Amino acid sequence: MPGDGALAETWSEGITLNKKALMLGGVVAALLLAPQAMAQDAGWYGAFDLGYQWPEGVDAKSSNAAADGKPYDYNFKSEDGYYLGFVRLGYQFTPNWRVELEGGARGNKMESITGNPARLAVPDQVCSTKTLATCNSPGAYMAAYTVMGNVIYDFFPDGSFRPFIGAGVGANYVDVEVAGRFDSPNTGFLRIDDEDTAFAWQFLGGLAFDITDRLSGDLTYRYLDGNDISVAAQPQGKAAPDPGVFTGPYVDQSVTFGLRYSFAAAPPPPPPPPPTTSTSPRASRPRRPRRPRRAAAPSRTPATSRLRATNII
């Protein structure tokens, strides 16, 4: 059983940890709730964003059947973070609610196009046409262009840092280019040069902070579901398989940093403070009117005194 000294030390450590937790909580609350005169008023704003993305592989099935009677099934895997950018035009209705029209561009080289090795009658990879000894990444590329309408809610609109969440719907235009060879000998080449447009939706969330009275920074995470896209394959070669049309879902995640500029009218300056008045007892006491001065009495001479005395007698 620990002694009194050990208990006192443990108690002191607990109090210290609690104090640190309270101090940290106070700092976070102060950052979120600190009043700011730079929170955007109602009005238009424009923004652009750049960042990093990691698209999920498109698991696509073909419209035509392979030699084993089943559809071709390939995973079109893209590389991460090739290029990503957004432009936005929005309107702030209230301190919390705003809407925006967003245009986005995502582009990626394809890392691989792979199938199921267990299906022996079907080529399980699409390789580069530049090398025959090994199966390197094919010459392939996938780009997606989106137009989305977003609704966003800002928390703590008067704070130094303002978390926000939102959702959007729109359209996703995808362009796919593939020029490769099947890995099985004498099975020809696969070429895809096609595009498709599909319904898309996204979820977004992030953190905004003021840089100047009109310029804000936005750190944003986006999850985009581009729905199923369909692109037609063009087999080349006498023995080349003919998959037909590949169909699969397009999904992408990204993190961006953007700058947002407010076109809203500047808020009016605060009214001037009222004039200060003295409250001392002497200043508040009314002044008494001055009494008029009496006229000076005429001076008496000896002749005047004898005349009065004579009149009296």
Protein backbone atom coordinates (compact mmCIF):
# COMPACT_ATOMS: atom_id res chain seq x y z
CA MET A 1 0.00 0.00 0.00
CA PRO A 2 1.51 3.38 -0.97
CA GLY A 3 2.49 5.74 1.75
CA ASP A 4 1.26 9.27 2.41
CA GLY A 5 4.05 10.76 0.30
CA ALA A 6 3.12 8.65 -2.75
CA LEU A 7 -0.57 9.50 -2.37
CA ALA A 8 0.24 13.21 -2.11
CA GLU A 9 2.42 13.02 -5.21
CA THR A 10 -0.29 11.16 -7.17
CA TRP A 11 -2.89 13.71 -6.03
CA SER A 12 -0.63 16.58 -7.10
CA GLU A 13 -0.05 15.02 -10.54
CA GLY A 14 -3.80 14.59 -11.01
CA ILE A 15 -4.46 18.23 -10.16
CA THR A 16 -1.72 19.33 -12.59
CA LEU A 17 -3.20 17.23 -15.41
CA ASN A 18 -6.67 18.61 -14.74
CA LYS A 19 -5.32 22.16 -14.82
CA LYS A 20 -3.58 21.50 -18.15
CA ALA A 21 -6.77 20.00 -19.61
CA LEU A 22 -8.80 23.00 -18.47
CA MET A 23 -6.24 25.41 -19.91
CA LEU A 24 -6.21 23.57 -23.25
CA GLY A 25 -10.00 23.57 -23.35
CA GLY A 26 -10.04 27.28 -22.62
CA VAL A 27 -7.60 27.99 -25.44
CA VAL A 28 -9.67 25.99 -27.93
CA ALA A 29 -12.89 27.70 -26.83
CA ALA A 30 -11.27 31.12 -27.09
CA LEU A 31 -10.07 30.41 -30.63
CA LEU A 32 -13.50 29.22 -31.74
CA LEU A 33 -15.57 31.85 -30.01
CA ALA A 34 -13.30 34.89 -30.12
CA PRO A 35 -15.25 37.78 -31.62
CA GLN A 36 -14.13 38.87 -35.05
CA ALA A 37 -15.21 41.94 -36.98
CA MET A 38 -14.17 40.26 -40.24
CA ALA A 39 -16.95 37.62 -40.49
CA GLN A 40 -18.49 37.86 -43.96
CA ASP A 41 -21.76 39.74 -44.37
CA ALA A 42 -24.45 38.70 -46.85
CA GLY A 43 -23.27 38.93 -50.44
CA TRP A 44 -21.35 37.28 -53.28
CA TYR A 45 -17.92 35.66 -53.04
CA GLY A 46 -15.46 33.93 -55.36
CA ALA A 47 -12.89 31.24 -54.55
CA PHE A 48 -10.39 28.77 -55.98
CA ASP A 49 -8.83 25.63 -54.45
CA LEU A 50 -5.81 23.41 -55.14
CA GLY A 51 -4.91 20.20 -53.39
CA TYR A 52 -4.30 16.46 -53.33
CA GLN A 53 -6.59 13.58 -54.31
CA TRP A 54 -6.72 9.82 -54.01
CA PRO A 55 -9.26 8.25 -56.42
CA GLU A 56 -10.58 4.78 -55.82
CA GLY A 57 -10.07 2.22 -58.55
CA VAL A 58 -12.96 1.85 -60.99
CA ASP A 59 -14.20 -1.75 -60.84
CA ALA A 60 -15.68 -2.08 -64.32
CA LYS A 61 -17.57 -4.95 -65.93
CA SER A 62 -18.01 -5.37 -69.66
CA SER A 63 -21.20 -5.63 -71.66
CA ASN A 64 -19.86 -8.58 -73.69
CA ALA A 65 -18.96 -11.97 -72.28
CA ALA A 66 -15.46 -13.44 -72.25
CA ALA A 67 -14.48 -16.92 -73.38
CA ASP A 68 -15.65 -18.42 -70.08
CA GLY A 69 -19.12 -16.93 -70.52
CA LYS A 70 -18.75 -14.21 -67.86
CA PRO A 71 -18.25 -10.45 -68.34
CA TYR A 72 -14.74 -9.07 -68.41
CA ASP A 73 -13.97 -7.63 -64.97
CA TYR A 74 -11.10 -5.16 -64.66
CA ASN A 75 -9.97 -2.69 -62.02
CA PHE A 76 -8.81 0.61 -63.53
CA LYS A 77 -6.45 1.90 -60.82
CA SER A 78 -5.32 5.54 -61.03
CA GLU A 79 -2.33 7.18 -59.38
CA ASP A 80 -2.90 9.60 -56.50
CA GLY A 81 -2.52 13.35 -56.65
CA TYR A 82 -1.82 14.04 -60.32
CA TYR A 83 -3.73 17.34 -60.56
CA LEU A 84 -6.77 18.78 -58.81
CA GLY A 85 -8.41 22.21 -58.80
CA PHE A 86 -11.72 23.96 -58.16
CA VAL A 87 -13.27 27.36 -58.86
CA ARG A 88 -16.33 28.53 -56.92
CA LEU A 89 -18.88 31.33 -57.05
CA GLY A 90 -21.13 31.59 -54.02
CA TYR A 91 -23.58 33.72 -52.10
CA GLN A 92 -23.74 34.12 -48.30
CA PHE A 93 -27.40 34.42 -47.27
CA THR A 94 -26.96 34.53 -43.49
CA PRO A 95 -23.93 34.32 -41.19
CA ASN A 96 -24.43 30.51 -41.16
CA TRP A 97 -25.85 29.56 -44.58
CA ARG A 98 -24.36 29.94 -48.04
CA VAL A 99 -24.72 28.31 -51.47
CA GLU A 100 -22.19 28.03 -54.28
CA LEU A 101 -21.65 26.79 -57.83
CA GLU A 102 -18.45 24.75 -58.05
CA GLY A 103 -16.46 23.61 -61.05
CA GLY A 104 -13.80 20.94 -60.50
CA ALA A 105 -11.07 19.23 -62.53
CA ARG A 106 -9.34 15.97 -61.56
CA GLY A 107 -6.74 14.18 -63.67
CA ASN A 108 -4.77 11.00 -63.10
CA LYS A 109 -2.45 8.64 -64.90
CA MET A 110 -3.48 5.01 -64.59
CA GLU A 111 -1.27 2.86 -62.46
CA SER A 112 -2.65 -0.50 -63.60
CA ILE A 113 -5.52 -2.33 -65.30
CA THR A 114 -5.88 -5.76 -63.71
CA GLY A 115 -8.37 -8.62 -63.79
CA ASN A 116 -8.76 -11.95 -62.01
CA PRO A 117 -5.72 -14.27 -62.44
CA ALA A 118 -7.91 -17.26 -61.59
CA ARG A 119 -9.81 -16.86 -64.87
CA LEU A 120 -7.34 -18.65 -67.12
CA ALA A 121 -9.33 -18.08 -70.31
CA VAL A 122 -9.28 -14.30 -69.86
CA PRO A 123 -6.24 -11.96 -69.98
CA ASP A 124 -5.73 -10.73 -66.43
CA GLN A 125 -3.73 -7.53 -67.19
CA VAL A 126 -3.39 -4.74 -69.68
CA CYS A 127 0.26 -3.80 -70.15
CA SER A 128 2.34 -1.13 -71.81
CA THR A 129 2.93 -1.53 -75.55
CA LYS A 130 6.52 -0.32 -75.18
CA THR A 131 7.80 -3.50 -73.49
CA LEU A 132 6.98 -7.14 -74.21
CA ALA A 133 9.15 -8.94 -71.66
CA THR A 134 7.43 -7.42 -68.63
CA CYS A 135 3.97 -6.03 -67.95
CA ASN A 136 4.48 -2.38 -67.10
CA SER A 137 1.78 0.26 -66.54
CA PRO A 138 -0.16 0.91 -69.74
CA GLY A 139 -0.37 4.25 -71.43
CA ALA A 140 -3.65 5.24 -69.82
CA TYR A 141 -5.23 8.36 -68.40
CA MET A 142 -8.50 9.30 -66.68
CA ALA A 143 -9.84 12.82 -66.14
CA ALA A 144 -13.03 13.93 -64.41
CA TYR A 145 -14.71 17.34 -64.67
CA THR A 146 -17.54 18.18 -62.29
CA VAL A 147 -20.13 20.93 -61.96
CA MET A 148 -21.75 20.92 -58.51
CA GLY A 149 -24.26 22.99 -56.59
CA ASN A 150 -23.32 23.07 -52.89
CA VAL A 151 -25.20 24.07 -49.75
CA ILE A 152 -22.87 24.86 -46.81
CA TYR A 153 -23.45 25.57 -43.11
CA ASP A 154 -20.83 27.59 -41.19
CA PHE A 155 -20.44 27.07 -37.44
CA PHE A 156 -19.38 29.95 -35.15
CA PRO A 157 -19.65 32.64 -37.86
CA ASP A 158 -18.09 35.27 -35.56
CA GLY A 159 -15.20 33.06 -34.43
CA SER A 160 -11.55 33.14 -35.43
CA PHE A 161 -11.90 29.63 -36.89
CA ARG A 162 -15.17 28.48 -38.46
CA PRO A 163 -15.81 24.75 -39.11
CA PHE A 164 -18.27 24.04 -41.91
CA ILE A 165 -20.09 21.11 -43.50
CA GLY A 166 -21.96 20.83 -46.76
CA ALA A 167 -23.33 18.67 -49.55
CA GLY A 168 -23.70 19.07 -53.27
CA VAL A 169 -25.25 17.49 -56.36
CA GLY A 170 -24.37 17.89 -60.01
CA ALA A 171 -22.78 16.19 -63.01
CA ASN A 172 -19.54 14.28 -63.53
CA TYR A 173 -17.93 14.19 -66.99
CA VAL A 174 -15.22 11.52 -67.28
CA ASP A 175 -12.72 11.11 -70.11
CA VAL A 176 -10.84 7.79 -70.39
CA GLU A 177 -7.89 7.03 -72.68
CA VAL A 178 -6.20 3.62 -72.76
CA ALA A 179 -3.61 2.27 -75.20
CA GLY A 180 -2.24 -1.11 -74.05
CA ARG A 181 -1.79 -4.78 -74.84
CA PHE A 182 -3.26 -7.80 -73.15
CA ASP A 183 -0.68 -9.82 -71.22
CA SER A 184 -1.63 -13.15 -72.82
CA PRO A 185 0.37 -13.97 -75.96
CA ASN A 186 -1.26 -13.27 -79.31
CA THR A 187 -4.35 -11.66 -77.82
CA GLY A 188 -3.93 -8.25 -79.41
CA PHE A 189 -4.38 -4.76 -77.99
CA LEU A 190 -6.97 -2.82 -76.06
CA ARG A 191 -7.79 0.79 -76.85
CA ILE A 192 -10.31 3.08 -75.10
CA ASP A 193 -10.91 6.67 -76.14
CA ASP A 194 -14.32 7.58 -74.81
CA GLU A 195 -16.14 9.79 -72.33
CA ASP A 196 -19.34 9.71 -70.33
CA THR A 197 -21.41 12.03 -68.14
CA ALA A 198 -23.28 10.85 -65.05
CA PHE A 199 -25.09 12.21 -62.00
CA ALA A 200 -22.78 12.96 -59.04
CA TRP A 201 -23.08 13.93 -55.41
CA GLN A 202 -20.56 14.93 -52.81
CA PHE A 203 -20.06 15.55 -49.10
CA LEU A 204 -17.65 18.22 -47.91
CA GLY A 205 -16.38 19.61 -44.65
CA GLY A 206 -13.55 21.75 -43.42
CA LEU A 207 -12.29 24.80 -41.59
CA ALA A 208 -12.35 28.48 -42.65
CA PHE A 209 -10.36 31.35 -41.16
CA ASP A 210 -9.95 35.05 -41.94
CA ILE A 211 -6.82 36.44 -43.58
CA THR A 212 -8.04 40.02 -44.18
CA ASP A 213 -11.43 41.70 -43.88
CA ARG A 214 -12.41 40.28 -47.31
CA LEU A 215 -10.08 37.29 -47.84
CA SER A 216 -10.56 33.93 -46.11
CA GLY A 217 -8.71 30.63 -46.21
CA ASP A 218 -10.62 27.34 -46.69
CA LEU A 219 -9.22 23.91 -45.79
CA THR A 220 -11.68 21.44 -47.35
CA TYR A 221 -12.21 17.66 -47.55
CA ARG A 222 -14.44 16.32 -50.35
CA TYR A 223 -15.91 12.88 -50.94
CA LEU A 224 -17.26 12.59 -54.50
CA ASP A 225 -19.47 9.77 -55.77
CA GLY A 226 -19.57 10.12 -59.55
CA ASN A 227 -21.98 7.21 -60.07
CA ASP A 228 -21.49 4.64 -62.84
CA ILE A 229 -19.62 5.68 -65.97
CA SER A 230 -19.62 3.73 -69.23
CA VAL A 231 -16.86 3.77 -71.88
CA ALA A 232 -16.54 1.68 -75.03
CA ALA A 233 -13.50 -0.52 -75.69
CA GLN A 234 -11.97 -0.76 -79.16
CA PRO A 235 -10.18 -4.12 -79.62
CA GLN A 236 -7.27 -4.12 -82.07
CA GLY A 237 -5.88 -7.29 -83.61
CA LYS A 238 -7.43 -10.46 -85.03
CA ALA A 239 -7.36 -12.35 -81.73
CA ALA A 240 -8.08 -9.36 -79.50
CA PRO A 241 -10.99 -9.81 -77.08
CA ASP A 242 -14.02 -7.58 -77.58
CA PRO A 243 -15.25 -6.53 -74.10
CA GLY A 244 -17.78 -4.07 -75.53
CA VAL A 245 -18.65 -1.31 -73.03
CA PHE A 246 -17.05 -1.14 -69.57
CA THR A 247 -19.25 0.24 -66.75
CA GLY A 248 -18.17 1.03 -63.20
CA PRO A 249 -18.47 3.58 -60.35
CA TYR A 250 -16.23 6.64 -60.11
CA VAL A 251 -15.32 7.63 -56.51
CA ASP A 252 -12.76 10.23 -55.43
CA GLN A 253 -11.55 11.80 -52.19
CA SER A 254 -9.53 14.99 -51.90
CA VAL A 255 -8.12 17.62 -49.54
CA THR A 256 -7.66 21.19 -50.78
CA PHE A 257 -6.60 24.61 -49.57
CA GLY A 258 -8.38 27.57 -51.11
CA LEU A 259 -8.72 31.34 -50.97
CA ARG A 260 -12.19 32.94 -50.79
CA TYR A 261 -12.75 36.62 -51.56
CA SER A 262 -15.91 38.41 -50.44
CA PHE A 263 -17.56 40.94 -52.76
CA ALA A 264 -20.08 41.93 -50.05
CA ALA A 265 -20.36 45.60 -49.11
CA ALA A 266 -18.18 46.58 -46.19
CA PRO A 267 -20.13 46.88 -42.90
CA PRO A 268 -20.84 50.46 -41.75
CA PRO A 269 -18.43 51.88 -39.19
CA PRO A 270 -19.56 51.78 -35.57
CA PRO A 271 -21.31 54.92 -34.28
CA PRO A 272 -19.15 57.40 -32.39
CA PRO A 273 -19.27 57.17 -28.61
CA PRO A 274 -21.59 59.62 -26.82
CA PRO A 275 -19.94 62.74 -25.36
CA THR A 276 -18.78 62.40 -21.81
CA THR A 277 -20.29 64.73 -19.11
CA SER A 278 -18.76 65.60 -15.76
CA THR A 279 -20.51 64.17 -12.73
CA SER A 280 -18.66 66.07 -10.00
CA PRO A 281 -20.93 67.74 -7.35
CA ARG A 282 -19.52 71.22 -8.08
CA ALA A 283 -20.21 70.89 -11.83
CA SER A 284 -23.80 69.69 -11.27
CA ARG A 285 -24.69 72.41 -8.64
CA PRO A 286 -26.58 75.38 -10.24
CA ARG A 287 -24.96 78.79 -9.89
CA ARG A 288 -26.78 81.50 -7.91
CA PRO A 289 -27.40 84.78 -9.75
CA ARG A 290 -25.22 87.66 -8.75
CA ARG A 291 -26.79 90.50 -6.70
CA PRO A 292 -26.68 93.97 -8.29
CA ARG A 293 -24.26 96.33 -6.62
CA ARG A 294 -25.69 99.25 -4.54
CA ALA A 295 -25.02 102.75 -5.68
CA ALA A 296 -22.48 104.55 -3.51
CA ALA A 297 -24.00 107.12 -1.03
CA PRO A 298 -23.03 110.74 -1.68
CA SER A 299 -20.36 112.03 0.60
CA ARG A 300 -21.36 114.66 3.21
CA THR A 301 -19.66 118.04 3.39
CA PRO A 302 -19.63 120.49 6.35
CA ALA A 303 -21.86 122.97 4.45
CA THR A 304 -24.47 120.31 3.85
CA SER A 305 -24.48 119.35 7.51
CA ARG A 306 -25.03 123.00 8.70
CA LEU A 307 -27.88 123.42 6.19
CA ARG A 308 -29.68 120.37 7.56
CA ALA A 309 -29.25 121.57 11.07
CA THR A 310 -30.67 125.04 10.22
CA ASN A 311 -33.70 123.53 8.54
CA ILE A 312 -34.42 121.44 11.58
CA ILE A 313 -34.25 124.46 13.89
